[in-house]
Amino acid sequence: MSTLKERILSNWHLMRIMRLGIGIMFIIMGYQARDWAMGLVSIFFLYQAVTDTGCCGSQGCYVPPKTNRTNSHRDEELTQYEEIK
């Protein structure tokens, strides 16, 4: 339980504070307009702020680096150069 408490209370940065503000703003707007869809959006932002997660999660937008795939046959070929005068 202490890790959850540490996760909630530590590492507050600008983006996390903005998500909390947006979530609070949407929950107030949803309550005033009696709009349940706005309430769901506010829950989404509040969850992100409390748990310090983003839209994609942990490395959700990670793209693996491009690997150089060459045929082993092409690697064995030697390039020969001819001098032109």
PDB file of N, CA and C in Angstrom:
ATOM      1  N   MET A   1       0.823  -1.199   0.000  1.00  0.00           N
ATOM      2  CA  MET A   1       0.000   0.000   0.000  1.00  0.00           C
ATOM      3  C   MET A   1       0.860   1.252   0.000  1.00  0.00           C
ATOM      4  N   SER A   2       2.049   1.156   0.559  1.00  0.00           N
ATOM      5  CA  SER A   2       2.899   2.340   0.614  1.00  0.00           C
ATOM      6  C   SER A   2       3.360   2.756  -0.781  1.00  0.00           C
ATOM      7  N   THR A   3       3.510   1.803  -1.712  1.00  0.00           N
ATOM      8  CA  THR A   3       3.934   2.173  -3.060  1.00  0.00           C
ATOM      9  C   THR A   3       2.846   2.964  -3.777  1.00  0.00           C
ATOM     10  N   LEU A   4       1.585   2.612  -3.556  1.00  0.00           N
ATOM     11  CA  LEU A   4       0.489   3.370  -4.159  1.00  0.00           C
ATOM     12  C   LEU A   4       0.454   4.783  -3.584  1.00  0.00           C
ATOM     13  N   LYS A   5       0.655   4.892  -2.277  1.00  0.00           N
ATOM     14  CA  LYS A   5       0.678   6.201  -1.634  1.00  0.00           C
ATOM     15  C   LYS A   5       1.842   7.037  -2.154  1.00  0.00           C
ATOM     16  N   GLU A   6       3.005   6.418  -2.319  1.00  0.00           N
ATOM     17  CA  GLU A   6       4.167   7.123  -2.860  1.00  0.00           C
ATOM     18  C   GLU A   6       3.925   7.559  -4.295  1.00  0.00           C
ATOM     19  N   ARG A   7       3.285   6.693  -5.061  1.00  0.00           N
ATOM     20  CA  ARG A   7       3.023   7.017  -6.471  1.00  0.00           C
ATOM     21  C   ARG A   7       2.065   8.196  -6.610  1.00  0.00           C
ATOM     22  N   ILE A   8       1.084   8.258  -5.722  1.00  0.00           N
ATOM     23  CA  ILE A   8       0.105   9.350  -5.794  1.00  0.00           C
ATOM     24  C   ILE A   8       0.709  10.661  -5.306  1.00  0.00           C
ATOM     25  N   LEU A   9       1.511  10.607  -4.257  1.00  0.00           N
ATOM     26  CA  LEU A   9       1.993  11.829  -3.621  1.00  0.00           C
ATOM     27  C   LEU A   9       3.302  12.357  -4.178  1.00  0.00           C
ATOM     28  N   SER A  10       3.997  11.609  -5.017  1.00  0.00           N
ATOM     29  CA  SER A  10       5.299  12.059  -5.512  1.00  0.00           C
ATOM     30  C   SER A  10       5.287  12.261  -7.026  1.00  0.00           C
ATOM     31  N   ASN A  11       6.336  12.930  -7.506  1.00  0.00           N
ATOM     32  CA  ASN A  11       6.575  13.125  -8.941  1.00  0.00           C
ATOM     33  C   ASN A  11       5.466  13.919  -9.637  1.00  0.00           C
ATOM     34  N   TRP A  12       5.059  15.028  -9.038  1.00  0.00           N
ATOM     35  CA  TRP A  12       4.066  15.895  -9.667  1.00  0.00           C
ATOM     36  C   TRP A  12       4.784  16.858 -10.597  1.00  0.00           C
ATOM     37  N   HIS A  13       4.462  16.808 -11.874  1.00  0.00           N
ATOM     38  CA  HIS A  13       5.048  17.686 -12.870  1.00  0.00           C
ATOM     39  C   HIS A  13       3.928  18.444 -13.567  1.00  0.00           C
ATOM     40  N   LEU A  14       4.310  19.328 -14.480  1.00  0.00           N
ATOM     41  CA  LEU A  14       3.349  20.225 -15.113  1.00  0.00           C
ATOM     42  C   LEU A  14       2.217  19.470 -15.812  1.00  0.00           C
ATOM     43  N   MET A  15       2.540  18.431 -16.561  1.00  0.00           N
ATOM     44  CA  MET A  15       1.504  17.710 -17.312  1.00  0.00           C
ATOM     45  C   MET A  15       0.529  17.013 -16.368  1.00  0.00           C
ATOM     46  N   ARG A  16       1.038  16.503 -15.279  1.00  0.00           N
ATOM     47  CA  ARG A  16       0.169  15.825 -14.312  1.00  0.00           C
ATOM     48  C   ARG A  16      -0.765  16.831 -13.639  1.00  0.00           C
ATOM     49  N   ILE A  17      -0.262  18.017 -13.316  1.00  0.00           N
ATOM     50  CA  ILE A  17      -1.094  19.060 -12.710  1.00  0.00           C
ATOM     51  C   ILE A  17      -2.142  19.543 -13.712  1.00  0.00           C
ATOM     52  N   MET A  18      -1.760  19.635 -14.991  1.00  0.00           N
ATOM     53  CA  MET A  18      -2.731  20.048 -16.025  1.00  0.00           C
ATOM     54  C   MET A  18      -3.843  19.020 -16.171  1.00  0.00           C
ATOM     55  N   ARG A  19      -3.506  17.728 -16.141  1.00  0.00           N
ATOM     56  CA  ARG A  19      -4.542  16.688 -16.228  1.00  0.00           C
ATOM     57  C   ARG A  19      -5.492  16.774 -15.041  1.00  0.00           C
ATOM     58  N   LEU A  20      -4.951  17.029 -13.852  1.00  0.00           N
ATOM     59  CA  LEU A  20      -5.792  17.166 -12.673  1.00  0.00           C
ATOM     60  C   LEU A  20      -6.726  18.364 -12.820  1.00  0.00           C
ATOM     61  N   GLY A  21      -6.193  19.493 -13.296  1.00  0.00           N
ATOM     62  CA  GLY A  21      -7.018  20.684 -13.498  1.00  0.00           C
ATOM     63  C   GLY A  21      -8.102  20.464 -14.534  1.00  0.00           C
ATOM     64  N   ILE A  22      -7.748  19.814 -15.632  1.00  0.00           N
ATOM     65  CA  ILE A  22      -8.744  19.537 -16.682  1.00  0.00           C
ATOM     66  C   ILE A  22      -9.816  18.589 -16.155  1.00  0.00           C
ATOM     67  N   GLY A  23      -9.396  17.577 -15.397  1.00  0.00           N
ATOM     68  CA  GLY A  23     -10.362  16.640 -14.832  1.00  0.00           C
ATOM     69  C   GLY A  23     -11.327  17.316 -13.873  1.00  0.00           C
ATOM     70  N   ILE A  24     -10.807  18.192 -13.006  1.00  0.00           N
ATOM     71  CA  ILE A  24     -11.675  18.921 -12.071  1.00  0.00           C
ATOM     72  C   ILE A  24     -12.604  19.858 -12.826  1.00  0.00           C
ATOM     73  N   MET A  25     -12.080  20.542 -13.847  1.00  0.00           N
ATOM     74  CA  MET A  25     -12.904  21.455 -14.635  1.00  0.00           C
ATOM     75  C   MET A  25     -14.041  20.692 -15.343  1.00  0.00           C
ATOM     76  N   PHE A  26     -13.716  19.540 -15.939  1.00  0.00           N
ATOM     77  CA  PHE A  26     -14.745  18.766 -16.635  1.00  0.00           C
ATOM     78  C   PHE A  26     -15.782  18.195 -15.675  1.00  0.00           C
ATOM     79  N   ILE A  27     -15.356  17.792 -14.480  1.00  0.00           N
ATOM     80  CA  ILE A  27     -16.344  17.244 -13.543  1.00  0.00           C
ATOM     81  C   ILE A  27     -17.299  18.332 -13.061  1.00  0.00           C
ATOM     82  N   ILE A  28     -16.796  19.553 -12.882  1.00  0.00           N
ATOM     83  CA  ILE A  28     -17.668  20.673 -12.494  1.00  0.00           C
ATOM     84  C   ILE A  28     -18.605  21.022 -13.634  1.00  0.00           C
ATOM     85  N   MET A  29     -18.077  21.090 -14.857  1.00  0.00           N
ATOM     86  CA  MET A  29     -18.930  21.403 -16.022  1.00  0.00           C
ATOM     87  C   MET A  29     -19.978  20.317 -16.236  1.00  0.00           C
ATOM     88  N   GLY A  30     -19.595  19.055 -16.060  1.00  0.00           N
ATOM     89  CA  GLY A  30     -20.554  17.968 -16.213  1.00  0.00           C
ATOM     90  C   GLY A  30     -21.647  18.001 -15.165  1.00  0.00           C
ATOM     91  N   TYR A  31     -21.280  18.361 -13.941  1.00  0.00           N
ATOM     92  CA  TYR A  31     -22.285  18.459 -12.879  1.00  0.00           C
ATOM     93  C   TYR A  31     -23.250  19.611 -13.146  1.00  0.00           C
ATOM     94  N   GLN A  32     -22.712  20.757 -13.567  1.00  0.00           N
ATOM     95  CA  GLN A  32     -23.568  21.919 -13.829  1.00  0.00           C
ATOM     96  C   GLN A  32     -24.504  21.675 -15.004  1.00  0.00           C
ATOM     97  N   ALA A  33     -24.016  21.000 -16.037  1.00  0.00           N
ATOM     98  CA  ALA A  33     -24.840  20.755 -17.222  1.00  0.00           C
ATOM     99  C   ALA A  33     -25.630  19.453 -17.115  1.00  0.00           C
ATOM    100  N   ARG A  34     -25.410  18.706 -16.031  1.00  0.00           N
ATOM    101  CA  ARG A  34     -26.029  17.386 -15.839  1.00  0.00           C
ATOM    102  C   ARG A  34     -25.774  16.494 -17.055  1.00  0.00           C
ATOM    103  N   ASP A  35     -24.500  16.483 -17.464  1.00  0.00           N
ATOM    104  CA  ASP A  35     -24.083  15.717 -18.638  1.00  0.00           C
ATOM    105  C   ASP A  35     -23.189  14.568 -18.173  1.00  0.00           C
ATOM    106  N   TRP A  36     -23.665  13.335 -18.312  1.00  0.00           N
ATOM    107  CA  TRP A  36     -22.900  12.183 -17.824  1.00  0.00           C
ATOM    108  C   TRP A  36     -21.687  11.896 -18.703  1.00  0.00           C
ATOM    109  N   ALA A  37     -21.737  12.269 -19.976  1.00  0.00           N
ATOM    110  CA  ALA A  37     -20.595  12.037 -20.862  1.00  0.00           C
ATOM    111  C   ALA A  37     -19.409  12.910 -20.437  1.00  0.00           C
ATOM    112  N   MET A  38     -19.678  14.128 -20.036  1.00  0.00           N
ATOM    113  CA  MET A  38     -18.613  14.999 -19.539  1.00  0.00           C
ATOM    114  C   MET A  38     -18.030  14.430 -18.256  1.00  0.00           C
ATOM    115  N   GLY A  39     -18.855  13.786 -17.461  1.00  0.00           N
ATOM    116  CA  GLY A  39     -18.383  13.135 -16.243  1.00  0.00           C
ATOM    117  C   GLY A  39     -17.432  11.988 -16.553  1.00  0.00           C
ATOM    118  N   LEU A  40     -17.715  11.247 -17.609  1.00  0.00           N
ATOM    119  CA  LEU A  40     -16.820  10.157 -18.002  1.00  0.00           C
ATOM    120  C   LEU A  40     -15.474  10.683 -18.487  1.00  0.00           C
ATOM    121  N   VAL A  41     -15.500  11.781 -19.221  1.00  0.00           N
ATOM    122  CA  VAL A  41     -14.255  12.398 -19.683  1.00  0.00           C
ATOM    123  C   VAL A  41     -13.447  12.886 -18.481  1.00  0.00           C
ATOM    124  N   SER A  42     -14.131  13.444 -17.495  1.00  0.00           N
ATOM    125  CA  SER A  42     -13.423  13.928 -16.311  1.00  0.00           C
ATOM    126  C   SER A  42     -12.800  12.774 -15.533  1.00  0.00           C
ATOM    127  N   ILE A  43     -13.475  11.644 -15.467  1.00  0.00           N
ATOM    128  CA  ILE A  43     -12.915  10.472 -14.790  1.00  0.00           C
ATOM    129  C   ILE A  43     -11.650  10.015 -15.496  1.00  0.00           C
ATOM    130  N   PHE A  44     -11.642  10.067 -16.812  1.00  0.00           N
ATOM    131  CA  PHE A  44     -10.467   9.686 -17.586  1.00  0.00           C
ATOM    132  C   PHE A  44      -9.268  10.574 -17.230  1.00  0.00           C
ATOM    133  N   PHE A  45      -9.464  11.889 -17.211  1.00  0.00           N
ATOM    134  CA  PHE A  45      -8.366  12.800 -16.892  1.00  0.00           C
ATOM    135  C   PHE A  45      -7.947  12.689 -15.424  1.00  0.00           C
ATOM    136  N   LEU A  46      -8.894  12.503 -14.523  1.00  0.00           N
ATOM    137  CA  LEU A  46      -8.549  12.359 -13.116  1.00  0.00           C
ATOM    138  C   LEU A  46      -7.760  11.073 -12.879  1.00  0.00           C
ATOM    139  N   TYR A  47      -8.127  10.005 -13.558  1.00  0.00           N
ATOM    140  CA  TYR A  47      -7.383   8.745 -13.441  1.00  0.00           C
ATOM    141  C   TYR A  47      -5.945   8.933 -13.918  1.00  0.00           C
ATOM    142  N   GLN A  48      -5.768   9.620 -15.039  1.00  0.00           N
ATOM    143  CA  GLN A  48      -4.422   9.871 -15.547  1.00  0.00           C
ATOM    144  C   GLN A  48      -3.605  10.710 -14.572  1.00  0.00           C
ATOM    145  N   ALA A  49      -4.226  11.686 -13.948  1.00  0.00           N
ATOM    146  CA  ALA A  49      -3.501  12.550 -13.020  1.00  0.00           C
ATOM    147  C   ALA A  49      -3.107  11.801 -11.752  1.00  0.00           C
ATOM    148  N   VAL A  50      -4.023  11.007 -11.205  1.00  0.00           N
ATOM    149  CA  VAL A  50      -3.746  10.309  -9.953  1.00  0.00           C
ATOM    150  C   VAL A  50      -2.704   9.215 -10.146  1.00  0.00           C
ATOM    151  N   THR A  51      -2.800   8.467 -11.232  1.00  0.00           N
ATOM    152  CA  THR A  51      -1.887   7.342 -11.432  1.00  0.00           C
ATOM    153  C   THR A  51      -0.645   7.708 -12.227  1.00  0.00           C
ATOM    154  N   ASP A  52      -0.552   8.943 -12.709  1.00  0.00           N
ATOM    155  CA  ASP A  52       0.581   9.425 -13.508  1.00  0.00           C
ATOM    156  C   ASP A  52       0.801   8.552 -14.744  1.00  0.00           C
ATOM    157  N   THR A  53      -0.262   8.301 -15.479  1.00  0.00           N
ATOM    158  CA  THR A  53      -0.184   7.565 -16.735  1.00  0.00           C
ATOM    159  C   THR A  53      -0.605   8.485 -17.870  1.00  0.00           C
ATOM    160  N   GLY A  54      -0.209   8.124 -19.077  1.00  0.00           N
ATOM    161  CA  GLY A  54      -0.603   8.889 -20.250  1.00  0.00           C
ATOM    162  C   GLY A  54      -1.655   8.134 -21.040  1.00  0.00           C
ATOM    163  N   CYS A  55      -1.962   8.618 -22.209  1.00  0.00           N
ATOM    164  CA  CYS A  55      -2.961   7.970 -23.053  1.00  0.00           C
ATOM    165  C   CYS A  55      -2.511   6.585 -23.500  1.00  0.00           C
ATOM    166  N   CYS A  56      -1.231   6.460 -23.784  1.00  0.00           N
ATOM    167  CA  CYS A  56      -0.724   5.213 -24.344  1.00  0.00           C
ATOM    168  C   CYS A  56      -0.221   4.242 -23.294  1.00  0.00           C
ATOM    169  N   GLY A  57      -0.054   4.647 -22.096  1.00  0.00           N
ATOM    170  CA  GLY A  57       0.503   3.769 -21.083  1.00  0.00           C
ATOM    171  C   GLY A  57       2.011   3.737 -21.175  1.00  0.00           C
ATOM    172  N   SER A  58       2.579   2.730 -20.575  1.00  0.00           N
ATOM    173  CA  SER A  58       4.029   2.626 -20.519  1.00  0.00           C
ATOM    174  C   SER A  58       4.593   2.236 -21.878  1.00  0.00           C
ATOM    175  N   GLN A  59       5.297   3.120 -22.518  1.00  0.00           N
ATOM    176  CA  GLN A  59       5.924   2.940 -23.826  1.00  0.00           C
ATOM    177  C   GLN A  59       4.913   2.500 -24.886  1.00  0.00           C
ATOM    178  N   GLY A  60       3.701   3.029 -24.794  1.00  0.00           N
ATOM    179  CA  GLY A  60       2.669   2.662 -25.758  1.00  0.00           C
ATOM    180  C   GLY A  60       2.934   3.210 -27.143  1.00  0.00           C
ATOM    181  N   CYS A  61       3.645   4.304 -27.240  1.00  0.00           N
ATOM    182  CA  CYS A  61       3.955   4.907 -28.530  1.00  0.00           C
ATOM    183  C   CYS A  61       5.369   4.580 -28.975  1.00  0.00           C
ATOM    184  N   TYR A  62       5.988   3.615 -28.338  1.00  0.00           N
ATOM    185  CA  TYR A  62       7.361   3.243 -28.656  1.00  0.00           C
ATOM    186  C   TYR A  62       7.420   2.567 -30.018  1.00  0.00           C
ATOM    187  N   VAL A  63       8.343   3.010 -30.844  1.00  0.00           N
ATOM    188  CA  VAL A  63       8.570   2.406 -32.150  1.00  0.00           C
ATOM    189  C   VAL A  63       9.962   1.790 -32.119  1.00  0.00           C
ATOM    190  N   PRO A  64      10.061   0.497 -32.387  1.00  0.00           N
ATOM    191  CA  PRO A  64      11.389  -0.117 -32.340  1.00  0.00           C
ATOM    192  C   PRO A  64      12.292   0.441 -33.433  1.00  0.00           C
ATOM    193  N   PRO A  65      13.593   0.507 -33.157  1.00  0.00           N
ATOM    194  CA  PRO A  65      14.497   1.040 -34.176  1.00  0.00           C
ATOM    195  C   PRO A  65      14.549   0.136 -35.398  1.00  0.00           C
ATOM    196  N   LYS A  66      14.782   0.771 -36.535  1.00  0.00           N
ATOM    197  CA  LYS A  66      14.820   0.037 -37.791  1.00  0.00           C
ATOM    198  C   LYS A  66      16.094  -0.810 -37.835  1.00  0.00           C
ATOM    199  N   THR A  67      15.925  -2.071 -38.118  1.00  0.00           N
ATOM    200  CA  THR A  67      17.086  -2.957 -38.219  1.00  0.00           C
ATOM    201  C   THR A  67      17.480  -3.087 -39.681  1.00  0.00           C
ATOM    202  N   ASN A  68      18.746  -3.241 -39.908  1.00  0.00           N
ATOM    203  CA  ASN A  68      19.253  -3.384 -41.265  1.00  0.00           C
ATOM    204  C   ASN A  68      19.180  -4.852 -41.652  1.00  0.00           C
ATOM    205  N   ARG A  69      18.188  -5.194 -42.420  1.00  0.00           N
ATOM    206  CA  ARG A  69      18.009  -6.588 -42.845  1.00  0.00           C
ATOM    207  C   ARG A  69      18.611  -6.764 -44.232  1.00  0.00           C
ATOM    208  N   THR A  70      19.679  -7.481 -44.282  1.00  0.00           N
ATOM    209  CA  THR A  70      20.312  -7.767 -45.568  1.00  0.00           C
ATOM    210  C   THR A  70      20.459  -9.266 -45.704  1.00  0.00           C
ATOM    211  N   ASN A  71      20.470  -9.710 -46.900  1.00  0.00           N
ATOM    212  CA  ASN A  71      20.677 -11.132 -47.146  1.00  0.00           C
ATOM    213  C   ASN A  71      22.124 -11.485 -46.850  1.00  0.00           C
ATOM    214  N   SER A  72      22.330 -12.654 -46.301  1.00  0.00           N
ATOM    215  CA  SER A  72      23.703 -13.063 -46.007  1.00  0.00           C
ATOM    216  C   SER A  72      24.481 -13.239 -47.310  1.00  0.00           C
ATOM    217  N   HIS A  73      23.794 -13.573 -48.404  1.00  0.00           N
ATOM    218  CA  HIS A  73      24.453 -13.744 -49.691  1.00  0.00           C
ATOM    219  C   HIS A  73      25.022 -12.407 -50.177  1.00  0.00           C
ATOM    220  N   ARG A  74      24.281 -11.327 -49.979  1.00  0.00           N
ATOM    221  CA  ARG A  74      24.743 -10.011 -50.423  1.00  0.00           C
ATOM    222  C   ARG A  74      25.941  -9.546 -49.594  1.00  0.00           C
ATOM    223  N   ASP A  75      25.998  -9.956 -48.315  1.00  0.00           N
ATOM    224  CA  ASP A  75      27.124  -9.568 -47.476  1.00  0.00           C
ATOM    225  C   ASP A  75      28.423 -10.213 -47.943  1.00  0.00           C
ATOM    226  N   GLU A  76      28.310 -11.377 -48.537  1.00  0.00           N
ATOM    227  CA  GLU A  76      29.501 -12.101 -48.945  1.00  0.00           C
ATOM    228  C   GLU A  76      30.083 -11.571 -50.256  1.00  0.00           C
ATOM    229  N   GLU A  77      29.258 -10.880 -51.042  1.00  0.00           N
ATOM    230  CA  GLU A  77      29.752 -10.356 -52.314  1.00  0.00           C
ATOM    231  C   GLU A  77      30.721  -9.212 -52.051  1.00  0.00           C
ATOM    232  N   LEU A  78      31.804  -9.188 -52.770  1.00  0.00           N
ATOM    233  CA  LEU A  78      32.779  -8.123 -52.651  1.00  0.00           C
ATOM    234  C   LEU A  78      32.573  -7.129 -53.778  1.00  0.00           C
ATOM    235  N   THR A  79      32.660  -5.881 -53.454  1.00  0.00           N
ATOM    236  CA  THR A  79      32.512  -4.843 -54.458  1.00  0.00           C
ATOM    237  C   THR A  79      33.880  -4.576 -55.088  1.00  0.00           C
ATOM    238  N   GLN A  80      33.921  -4.586 -56.395  1.00  0.00           N
ATOM    239  CA  GLN A  80      35.160  -4.305 -57.095  1.00  0.00           C
ATOM    240  C   GLN A  80      35.038  -2.959 -57.791  1.00  0.00           C
ATOM    241  N   TYR A  81      36.084  -2.151 -57.664  1.00  0.00           N
ATOM    242  CA  TYR A  81      36.081  -0.826 -58.254  1.00  0.00           C
ATOM    243  C   TYR A  81      37.067  -0.796 -59.396  1.00  0.00           C
ATOM    244  N   GLU A  82      36.741  -0.019 -60.416  1.00  0.00           N
ATOM    245  CA  GLU A  82      37.606   0.125 -61.574  1.00  0.00           C
ATOM    246  C   GLU A  82      37.981   1.599 -61.696  1.00  0.00           C
ATOM    247  N   GLU A  83      39.258   1.876 -61.803  1.00  0.00           N
ATOM    248  CA  GLU A  83      39.721   3.250 -61.891  1.00  0.00           C
ATOM    249  C   GLU A  83      39.530   3.776 -63.295  1.00  0.00           C
ATOM    250  N   ILE A  84      38.939   4.947 -63.417  1.00  0.00           N
ATOM    251  CA  ILE A  84      38.698   5.565 -64.729  1.00  0.00           C
ATOM    252  C   ILE A  84      39.624   6.764 -64.843  1.00  0.00           C
ATOM    253  N   LYS A  85      40.410   6.802 -65.969  1.00  0.00           N
ATOM    254  CA  LYS A  85      41.351   7.900 -66.180  1.00  0.00           C
ATOM    255  C   LYS A  85      40.903   8.782 -67.308  1.00  0.00           C
TER     256      LYS A  85
END
